[in-house]
Amino acid sequence: MDNRIETKGESEKVEQAPAKVLGVPKVEPPVGGSFPFSYNIMVDENIPDEEIAIQVKNVSADYLVRDEKVDNLKEWVVRFFRGKLEKKRDRRLIDVSFTIRKGESIGVIGHNGAGKSTLLKILTDIMEPAEGTVRVEGKVAPLINLGAGFDYEATAKENVYLNGAILGYSRKEIEQKYKEIVEFAELGDYMHIPLKNFSSGMVARLGFAIAIDVNPDILLVDEILSVGDESFRAKCAEKIEEMRKDGVSFVIVSHNLGEIKRLCQKTIWIENARVRAYGDSAQVCAEYLKYCDWLKKNKKH
């Protein structure tokens, strides 16, 4: 796998009807107050190059969506050749910039649809940004979708080897790590059972155990830890802190602010596709809660 990934996105060309940019609602501060953060957090250029794990500069991302529903292939083909497949460009990230040092644990918070998962997809190179550049240093282990990369008809043991291959490891290397993976996941009695019979918590245990045992430089986690039991979440937190001290960087998306404050040194708050804040986790989470309270009060009127 590449030790260094750098991409520069270009706006997608739509040869049919011109795409329309959907408006992004402006985020207002609480009545009578203001947020002590700017929309766009500039990249810290003073961080030495060798200390950078992730650097995102002026990144914007779009999804193309259609207004009308096309019920069958014939209608789609006719509209395609007549140039009547109108698309709208749904902007999910706007001018996002931040830098993460090696060994930092960063949380990402925000309402559903704010752009959190889109950001992780860009960091894992699943999708390219429409604008801006992304630099990722080292090997990335993504846990951004529960069960992603698993074959639910195969056994848990077979899935360990499958995921190891996806992450670039040989069968011999996975054999050397297999015992440690099973012990961390605490699934020794279930490794020969098809994954379709596992609970979501058991799948999360297996996925996290595989991801941390392949020695990543960066681990990306999207809500996976929220489905495990309390004892396993505590175990994961201890492992995250241990790996962070060894120089592994973490990006954790979660709606659990207590978990974010416990696991993450800094937090990025994304709201309506923009970075609202990036800084100390306790401070950013406090401002986010103020905004949530303001939203609740305004919805009542």
Foldseek 3Di string as FASTA:
>chain_A
DDQKDKDFAAADDDPFPDAAEDDFDDQDAFPPDHDPFDFEDAEDPPDDPVFFAKWWFQFKAWDKDFDDDDDDPVSVVVCVVVRNRYIYIYIQAGGYTYTDTFLFEEEEEEDPSLNPLVVVCCQVVVDPTNGTMMMGGWQEQEAADQQPQADQQAFQQVSLQSVCVVSPHDPVVSVVCVVQLCVLLVCVVGRRPRNVPDDSQSSLSNSVSSRVSVPTQEYEEECSLVPHDPVSSVVVLVSLNVVSVVRRYYYYYDNPLVSRLSRGQWYFYGGSNTTRDIGGSVVVVVSVVSSVVSVVVVVVD
